Amino acid sequence: RRTILDELTERSGQTLFEICARLSAKHRLGISRQA
């Protein structure tokens, strides 16, 4: 959740798809969209 907030700090106004993509690409988090 802190990582998600970091991503929203960097760029607010993201969709779920965008957040998932950034978590996967930048942070190598293998987390489902549902999670």
All heavy atoms as atom14 arrays in JSON, in Angstrom:
{
  "sequence": "RRTILDELTERSGQTLFEICARLSAKHRLGISRQA",
  "atom14_mask": [
    [1, 1, 1, 1, 1, 1, 1, 1, 1, 1, 1, 0, 0, 0],
    [1, 1, 1, 1, 1, 1, 1, 1, 1, 1, 1, 0, 0, 0],
    [1, 1, 1, 1, 1, 1, 1, 0, 0, 0, 0, 0, 0, 0],
    [1, 1, 1, 1, 1, 1, 1, 1, 0, 0, 0, 0, 0, 0],
    [1, 1, 1, 1, 1, 1, 1, 1, 0, 0, 0, 0, 0, 0],
    [1, 1, 1, 1, 1, 1, 1, 1, 0, 0, 0, 0, 0, 0],
    [1, 1, 1, 1, 1, 1, 1, 1, 1, 0, 0, 0, 0, 0],
    [1, 1, 1, 1, 1, 1, 1, 1, 0, 0, 0, 0, 0, 0],
    [1, 1, 1, 1, 1, 1, 1, 0, 0, 0, 0, 0, 0, 0],
    [1, 1, 1, 1, 1, 1, 1, 1, 1, 0, 0, 0, 0, 0],
    [1, 1, 1, 1, 1, 1, 1, 1, 1, 1, 1, 0, 0, 0],
    [1, 1, 1, 1, 1, 1, 0, 0, 0, 0, 0, 0, 0, 0],
    [1, 1, 1, 1, 0, 0, 0, 0, 0, 0, 0, 0, 0, 0],
    [1, 1, 1, 1, 1, 1, 1, 1, 1, 0, 0, 0, 0, 0],
    [1, 1, 1, 1, 1, 1, 1, 0, 0, 0, 0, 0, 0, 0],
    [1, 1, 1, 1, 1, 1, 1, 1, 0, 0, 0, 0, 0, 0],
    [1, 1, 1, 1, 1, 1, 1, 1, 1, 1, 1, 0, 0, 0],
    [1, 1, 1, 1, 1, 1, 1, 1, 1, 0, 0, 0, 0, 0],
    [1, 1, 1, 1, 1, 1, 1, 1, 0, 0, 0, 0, 0, 0],
    [1, 1, 1, 1, 1, 1, 0, 0, 0, 0, 0, 0, 0, 0],
    [1, 1, 1, 1, 1, 0, 0, 0, 0, 0, 0, 0, 0, 0],
    [1, 1, 1, 1, 1, 1, 1, 1, 1, 1, 1, 0, 0, 0],
    [1, 1, 1, 1, 1, 1, 1, 1, 0, 0, 0, 0, 0, 0],
    [1, 1, 1, 1, 1, 1, 0, 0, 0, 0, 0, 0, 0, 0],
    [1, 1, 1, 1, 1, 0, 0, 0, 0, 0, 0, 0, 0, 0],
    [1, 1, 1, 1, 1, 1, 1, 1, 1, 0, 0, 0, 0, 0],
    [1, 1, 1, 1, 1, 1, 1, 1, 1, 1, 0, 0, 0, 0],
    [1, 1, 1, 1, 1, 1, 1, 1, 1, 1, 1, 0, 0, 0],
    [1, 1, 1, 1, 1, 1, 1, 1, 0, 0, 0, 0, 0, 0],
    [1, 1, 1, 1, 0, 0, 0, 0, 0, 0, 0, 0, 0, 0],
    [1, 1, 1, 1, 1, 1, 1, 1, 0, 0, 0, 0, 0, 0],
    [1, 1, 1, 1, 1, 1, 0, 0, 0, 0, 0, 0, 0, 0],
    [1, 1, 1, 1, 1, 1, 1, 1, 1, 1, 1, 0, 0, 0],
    [1, 1, 1, 1, 1, 1, 1, 1, 1, 0, 0, 0, 0, 0],
    [1, 1, 1, 1, 1, 0, 0, 0, 0, 0, 0, 0, 0, 0]
  ],
  "atom14_positions": [
    [[0.83, -1.21, 0.0], [0.0, 0.0, 0.0], [0.86, 1.25, 0.0], [0.53, 2.24, -0.66], [-0.97, -0.01, 1.18], [-2.07, -1.05, 0.99], [-3.21, -0.86, 1.96], [-2.93, -1.33, 3.3], [-3.2, -2.54, 3.76], [-3.75, -3.45, 2.96], [-2.94, -2.86, 5.0], [0.0, 0.0, 0.0], [0.0, 0.0, 0.0], [0.0, 0.0, 0.0]],
    [[1.99, 1.22, 0.71], [2.89, 2.37, 0.69], [3.48, 2.56, -0.71], [3.63, 3.7, -1.18], [4.0, 2.21, 1.73], [3.5, 2.31, 3.16], [4.63, 2.44, 4.17], [5.61, 1.37, 4.1], [5.57, 0.25, 4.81], [4.58, 0.04, 5.66], [6.53, -0.65, 4.69], [0.0, 0.0, 0.0], [0.0, 0.0, 0.0], [0.0, 0.0, 0.0]],
    [[3.76, 1.46, -1.4], [4.27, 1.55, -2.78], [3.21, 2.13, -3.7], [3.52, 2.96, -4.57], [4.72, 0.16, -3.27], [5.71, -0.36, -2.37], [5.3, 0.23, -4.66], [0.0, 0.0, 0.0], [0.0, 0.0, 0.0], [0.0, 0.0, 0.0], [0.0, 0.0, 0.0], [0.0, 0.0, 0.0], [0.0, 0.0, 0.0], [0.0, 0.0, 0.0]],
    [[1.96, 1.73, -3.52], [0.86, 2.3, -4.32], [0.78, 3.81, -4.08], [0.63, 4.59, -5.03], [-0.48, 1.6, -4.0], [-0.44, 0.15, -4.51], [-1.65, 2.37, -4.6], [-1.6, -0.71, -4.04], [0.0, 0.0, 0.0], [0.0, 0.0, 0.0], [0.0, 0.0, 0.0], [0.0, 0.0, 0.0], [0.0, 0.0, 0.0], [0.0, 0.0, 0.0]],
    [[0.89, 4.23, -2.83], [0.86, 5.67, -2.52], [2.04, 6.39, -3.15], [1.9, 7.51, -3.64], [0.83, 5.9, -1.01], [-0.46, 5.51, -0.29], [-0.31, 5.69, 1.21], [-1.64, 6.29, -0.81], [0.0, 0.0, 0.0], [0.0, 0.0, 0.0], [0.0, 0.0, 0.0], [0.0, 0.0, 0.0], [0.0, 0.0, 0.0], [0.0, 0.0, 0.0]],
    [[3.21, 5.75, -3.16], [4.38, 6.33, -3.82], [4.1, 6.57, -5.3], [4.44, 7.62, -5.85], [5.6, 5.43, -3.68], [6.16, 5.38, -2.26], [5.86, 6.3, -1.47], [6.88, 4.42, -1.96], [0.0, 0.0, 0.0], [0.0, 0.0, 0.0], [0.0, 0.0, 0.0], [0.0, 0.0, 0.0], [0.0, 0.0, 0.0], [0.0, 0.0, 0.0]],
    [[3.45, 5.59, -5.93], [3.12, 5.73, -7.35], [2.09, 6.83, -7.58], [2.19, 7.58, -8.56], [2.61, 4.4, -7.92], [3.71, 3.37, -8.1], [4.83, 3.86, -8.99], [4.57, 4.49, -10.03], [6.0, 3.63, -8.63], [0.0, 0.0, 0.0], [0.0, 0.0, 0.0], [0.0, 0.0, 0.0], [0.0, 0.0, 0.0], [0.0, 0.0, 0.0]],
    [[1.13, 6.96, -6.69], [0.14, 8.02, -6.83], [0.74, 9.39, -6.51], [0.26, 10.4, -7.02], [-1.09, 7.75, -5.95], [-1.95, 6.57, -6.4], [-3.06, 6.31, -5.39], [-2.54, 6.82, -7.78], [0.0, 0.0, 0.0], [0.0, 0.0, 0.0], [0.0, 0.0, 0.0], [0.0, 0.0, 0.0], [0.0, 0.0, 0.0], [0.0, 0.0, 0.0]],
    [[1.77, 9.42, -5.68], [2.48, 10.67, -5.42], [3.2, 11.12, -6.69], [3.19, 12.29, -7.04], [3.5, 10.49, -4.28], [2.82, 10.12, -3.1], [4.29, 11.76, -4.04], [0.0, 0.0, 0.0], [0.0, 0.0, 0.0], [0.0, 0.0, 0.0], [0.0, 0.0, 0.0], [0.0, 0.0, 0.0], [0.0, 0.0, 0.0], [0.0, 0.0, 0.0]],
    [[3.81, 10.15, -7.36], [4.53, 10.45, -8.59], [3.59, 10.89, -9.71], [3.9, 11.78, -10.49], [5.32, 9.21, -9.03], [6.38, 9.51, -10.05], [7.27, 8.3, -10.27], [7.86, 7.82, -9.28], [7.36, 7.86, -11.43], [0.0, 0.0, 0.0], [0.0, 0.0, 0.0], [0.0, 0.0, 0.0], [0.0, 0.0, 0.0], [0.0, 0.0, 0.0]],
    [[2.43, 10.24, -9.78], [1.45, 10.57, -10.83], [0.06, 10.24, -10.32], [-0.36, 9.09, -10.34], [1.75, 9.8, -12.11], [0.96, 10.36, -13.26], [1.38, 9.76, -14.59], [0.16, 9.52, -15.32], [-0.4, 8.34, -15.53], [0.19, 7.25, -15.09], [-1.52, 8.23, -16.17], [0.0, 0.0, 0.0], [0.0, 0.0, 0.0], [0.0, 0.0, 0.0]],
    [[-0.66, 11.25, -9.89], [-2.01, 11.06, -9.39], [-2.98, 10.88, -10.56], [-2.68, 11.24, -11.69], [-2.42, 12.26, -8.54], [-3.51, 11.96, -7.73], [0.0, 0.0, 0.0], [0.0, 0.0, 0.0], [0.0, 0.0, 0.0], [0.0, 0.0, 0.0], [0.0, 0.0, 0.0], [0.0, 0.0, 0.0], [0.0, 0.0, 0.0], [0.0, 0.0, 0.0]],
    [[-4.14, 10.3, -10.29], [-5.16, 10.15, -11.31], [-4.96, 8.94, -12.2], [-5.26, 8.98, -13.39], [0.0, 0.0, 0.0], [0.0, 0.0, 0.0], [0.0, 0.0, 0.0], [0.0, 0.0, 0.0], [0.0, 0.0, 0.0], [0.0, 0.0, 0.0], [0.0, 0.0, 0.0], [0.0, 0.0, 0.0], [0.0, 0.0, 0.0], [0.0, 0.0, 0.0]],
    [[-4.48, 7.84, -11.63], [-4.25, 6.63, -12.41], [-5.43, 5.67, -12.29], [-6.11, 5.63, -11.27], [-2.99, 5.91, -11.91], [-1.71, 6.69, -12.11], [-0.52, 5.89, -11.68], [-0.26, 4.81, -12.21], [0.21, 6.41, -10.71], [0.0, 0.0, 0.0], [0.0, 0.0, 0.0], [0.0, 0.0, 0.0], [0.0, 0.0, 0.0], [0.0, 0.0, 0.0]],
    [[-5.61, 4.88, -13.32], [-6.61, 3.82, -13.3], [-5.99, 2.58, -12.64], [-4.77, 2.51, -12.45], [-7.06, 3.45, -14.72], [-5.94, 2.92, -15.43], [-7.65, 4.64, -15.45], [0.0, 0.0, 0.0], [0.0, 0.0, 0.0], [0.0, 0.0, 0.0], [0.0, 0.0, 0.0], [0.0, 0.0, 0.0], [0.0, 0.0, 0.0], [0.0, 0.0, 0.0]],
    [[-6.83, 1.62, -12.33], [-6.34, 0.36, -11.76], [-5.34, -0.3, -12.71], [-4.29, -0.78, -12.27], [-7.52, -0.58, -11.49], [-7.19, -1.98, -11.0], [-6.44, -1.94, -9.67], [-8.46, -2.82, -10.88], [0.0, 0.0, 0.0], [0.0, 0.0, 0.0], [0.0, 0.0, 0.0], [0.0, 0.0, 0.0], [0.0, 0.0, 0.0], [0.0, 0.0, 0.0]],
    [[-5.62, -0.29, -14.0], [-4.73, -0.88, -14.98], [-3.35, -0.21, -14.94], [-2.31, -0.87, -14.94], [-5.32, -0.78, -16.39], [-4.41, -1.28, -17.46], [-4.31, -2.64, -17.71], [-3.65, -0.4, -18.21], [-3.46, -3.12, -18.69], [-2.79, -0.87, -19.19], [-2.69, -2.23, -19.44], [0.0, 0.0, 0.0], [0.0, 0.0, 0.0], [0.0, 0.0, 0.0]],
    [[-3.33, 1.12, -14.88], [-2.07, 1.85, -14.85], [-1.28, 1.55, -13.57], [-0.06, 1.36, -13.62], [-2.32, 3.35, -14.96], [-2.83, 3.78, -16.31], [-3.31, 5.22, -16.33], [-4.02, 5.64, -15.38], [-2.96, 5.92, -17.29], [0.0, 0.0, 0.0], [0.0, 0.0, 0.0], [0.0, 0.0, 0.0], [0.0, 0.0, 0.0], [0.0, 0.0, 0.0]],
    [[-1.96, 1.5, -12.45], [-1.29, 1.2, -11.19], [-0.68, -0.2, -11.23], [0.48, -0.39, -10.85], [-2.26, 1.35, -10.0], [-2.68, 2.81, -9.84], [-1.63, 0.84, -8.71], [-3.83, 3.04, -8.88], [0.0, 0.0, 0.0], [0.0, 0.0, 0.0], [0.0, 0.0, 0.0], [0.0, 0.0, 0.0], [0.0, 0.0, 0.0], [0.0, 0.0, 0.0]],
    [[-1.44, -1.17, -11.71], [-0.94, -2.54, -11.81], [0.29, -2.61, -12.72], [1.28, -3.29, -12.4], [-2.02, -3.48, -12.34], [-3.35, -3.78, -11.18], [0.0, 0.0, 0.0], [0.0, 0.0, 0.0], [0.0, 0.0, 0.0], [0.0, 0.0, 0.0], [0.0, 0.0, 0.0], [0.0, 0.0, 0.0], [0.0, 0.0, 0.0], [0.0, 0.0, 0.0]],
    [[0.24, -1.92, -13.84], [1.36, -1.93, -14.79], [2.61, -1.32, -14.15], [3.71, -1.86, -14.3], [0.98, -1.17, -16.06], [0.0, 0.0, 0.0], [0.0, 0.0, 0.0], [0.0, 0.0, 0.0], [0.0, 0.0, 0.0], [0.0, 0.0, 0.0], [0.0, 0.0, 0.0], [0.0, 0.0, 0.0], [0.0, 0.0, 0.0], [0.0, 0.0, 0.0]],
    [[2.45, -0.22, -13.44], [3.6, 0.43, -12.8], [4.17, -0.43, -11.67], [5.39, -0.5, -11.5], [3.2, 1.81, -12.29], [2.94, 2.79, -13.43], [2.38, 4.1, -12.92], [3.36, 4.87, -12.18], [4.02, 5.92, -12.68], [3.8, 6.31, -13.9], [4.88, 6.57, -11.93], [0.0, 0.0, 0.0], [0.0, 0.0, 0.0], [0.0, 0.0, 0.0]],
    [[3.3, -1.09, -10.9], [3.79, -1.96, -9.83], [4.58, -3.13, -10.4], [5.6, -3.54, -9.84], [2.63, -2.47, -8.98], [1.9, -1.44, -8.12], [0.71, -2.08, -7.42], [2.84, -0.8, -7.12], [0.0, 0.0, 0.0], [0.0, 0.0, 0.0], [0.0, 0.0, 0.0], [0.0, 0.0, 0.0], [0.0, 0.0, 0.0], [0.0, 0.0, 0.0]],
    [[4.12, -3.65, -11.52], [4.8, -4.77, -12.16], [6.12, -4.33, -12.8], [7.15, -4.98, -12.59], [3.88, -5.38, -13.22], [4.54, -6.41, -13.91], [0.0, 0.0, 0.0], [0.0, 0.0, 0.0], [0.0, 0.0, 0.0], [0.0, 0.0, 0.0], [0.0, 0.0, 0.0], [0.0, 0.0, 0.0], [0.0, 0.0, 0.0], [0.0, 0.0, 0.0]],
    [[6.09, -3.25, -13.54], [7.27, -2.81, -14.28], [8.35, -2.2, -13.38], [9.53, -2.56, -13.48], [6.87, -1.82, -15.36], [0.0, 0.0, 0.0], [0.0, 0.0, 0.0], [0.0, 0.0, 0.0], [0.0, 0.0, 0.0], [0.0, 0.0, 0.0], [0.0, 0.0, 0.0], [0.0, 0.0, 0.0], [0.0, 0.0, 0.0], [0.0, 0.0, 0.0]],
    [[7.96, -1.3, -12.51], [8.94, -0.57, -11.7], [9.36, -1.29, -10.44], [10.5, -1.16, -9.99], [8.38, 0.8, -11.3], [8.33, 1.8, -12.44], [7.75, 3.12, -11.99], [8.6, 3.76, -10.92], [8.05, 5.07, -10.51], [0.0, 0.0, 0.0], [0.0, 0.0, 0.0], [0.0, 0.0, 0.0], [0.0, 0.0, 0.0], [0.0, 0.0, 0.0]],
    [[8.45, -2.05, -9.85], [8.72, -2.63, -8.54], [8.78, -4.16, -8.57], [8.97, -4.78, -7.53], [7.67, -2.16, -7.53], [7.6, -0.68, -7.41], [8.5, 0.06, -6.69], [6.75, 0.23, -7.96], [8.2, 1.34, -6.76], [7.14, 1.46, -7.54], [0.0, 0.0, 0.0], [0.0, 0.0, 0.0], [0.0, 0.0, 0.0], [0.0, 0.0, 0.0]],
    [[8.56, -4.73, -9.75], [8.6, -6.19, -9.92], [7.67, -6.91, -8.96], [7.98, -7.97, -8.43], [10.03, -6.72, -9.75], [11.05, -6.11, -10.66], [10.92, -6.7, -12.04], [12.01, -6.25, -12.89], [11.83, -5.64, -14.04], [10.62, -5.41, -14.47], [12.85, -5.26, -14.76], [0.0, 0.0, 0.0], [0.0, 0.0, 0.0], [0.0, 0.0, 0.0]],
    [[6.51, -6.3, -8.7], [5.51, -6.92, -7.83], [4.58, -7.77, -8.68], [3.88, -7.26, -9.54], [4.7, -5.87, -7.08], [5.42, -5.1, -5.98], [4.52, -4.03, -5.39], [5.89, -6.03, -4.9], [0.0, 0.0, 0.0], [0.0, 0.0, 0.0], [0.0, 0.0, 0.0], [0.0, 0.0, 0.0], [0.0, 0.0, 0.0], [0.0, 0.0, 0.0]],
    [[4.59, -9.06, -8.46], [3.69, -9.96, -9.15], [2.39, -10.07, -8.37], [2.18, -11.04, -7.65], [0.0, 0.0, 0.0], [0.0, 0.0, 0.0], [0.0, 0.0, 0.0], [0.0, 0.0, 0.0], [0.0, 0.0, 0.0], [0.0, 0.0, 0.0], [0.0, 0.0, 0.0], [0.0, 0.0, 0.0], [0.0, 0.0, 0.0], [0.0, 0.0, 0.0]],
    [[1.55, -9.07, -8.5], [0.33, -8.98, -7.71], [-0.85, -8.88, -8.67], [-0.77, -8.2, -9.69], [0.42, -7.77, -6.74], [-0.75, -7.72, -5.79], [0.63, -6.49, -7.46], [-0.57, -6.71, -4.68], [0.0, 0.0, 0.0], [0.0, 0.0, 0.0], [0.0, 0.0, 0.0], [0.0, 0.0, 0.0], [0.0, 0.0, 0.0], [0.0, 0.0, 0.0]],
    [[-1.93, -9.55, -8.34], [-3.1, -9.56, -9.23], [-3.84, -8.24, -9.18], [-3.72, -7.47, -8.23], [-4.05, -10.7, -8.82], [-4.66, -10.41, -7.58], [0.0, 0.0, 0.0], [0.0, 0.0, 0.0], [0.0, 0.0, 0.0], [0.0, 0.0, 0.0], [0.0, 0.0, 0.0], [0.0, 0.0, 0.0], [0.0, 0.0, 0.0], [0.0, 0.0, 0.0]],
    [[-4.64, -8.01, -10.21], [-5.48, -6.81, -10.25], [-6.44, -6.79, -9.06], [-6.7, -5.74, -8.48], [-6.27, -6.74, -11.56], [-5.45, -6.37, -12.76], [-6.25, -6.5, -14.05], [-7.54, -5.85, -14.03], [-7.78, -4.63, -14.51], [-6.81, -3.94, -15.06], [-9.0, -4.11, -14.47], [0.0, 0.0, 0.0], [0.0, 0.0, 0.0], [0.0, 0.0, 0.0]],
    [[-6.96, -7.96, -8.71], [-7.89, -8.04, -7.59], [-7.2, -7.65, -6.28], [-7.78, -6.94, -5.45], [-8.48, -9.44, -7.47], [-9.49, -9.56, -6.35], [-10.1, -10.95, -6.26], [-9.75, -11.84, -7.01], [-11.01, -11.11, -5.33], [0.0, 0.0, 0.0], [0.0, 0.0, 0.0], [0.0, 0.0, 0.0], [0.0, 0.0, 0.0], [0.0, 0.0, 0.0]],
    [[-5.96, -8.09, -6.09], [-5.22, -7.73, -4.88], [-4.95, -6.24, -4.83], [-5.09, -5.61, -3.77], [-3.92, -8.53, -4.81], [0.0, 0.0, 0.0], [0.0, 0.0, 0.0], [0.0, 0.0, 0.0], [0.0, 0.0, 0.0], [0.0, 0.0, 0.0], [0.0, 0.0, 0.0], [0.0, 0.0, 0.0], [0.0, 0.0, 0.0], [0.0, 0.0, 0.0]]
  ]
}
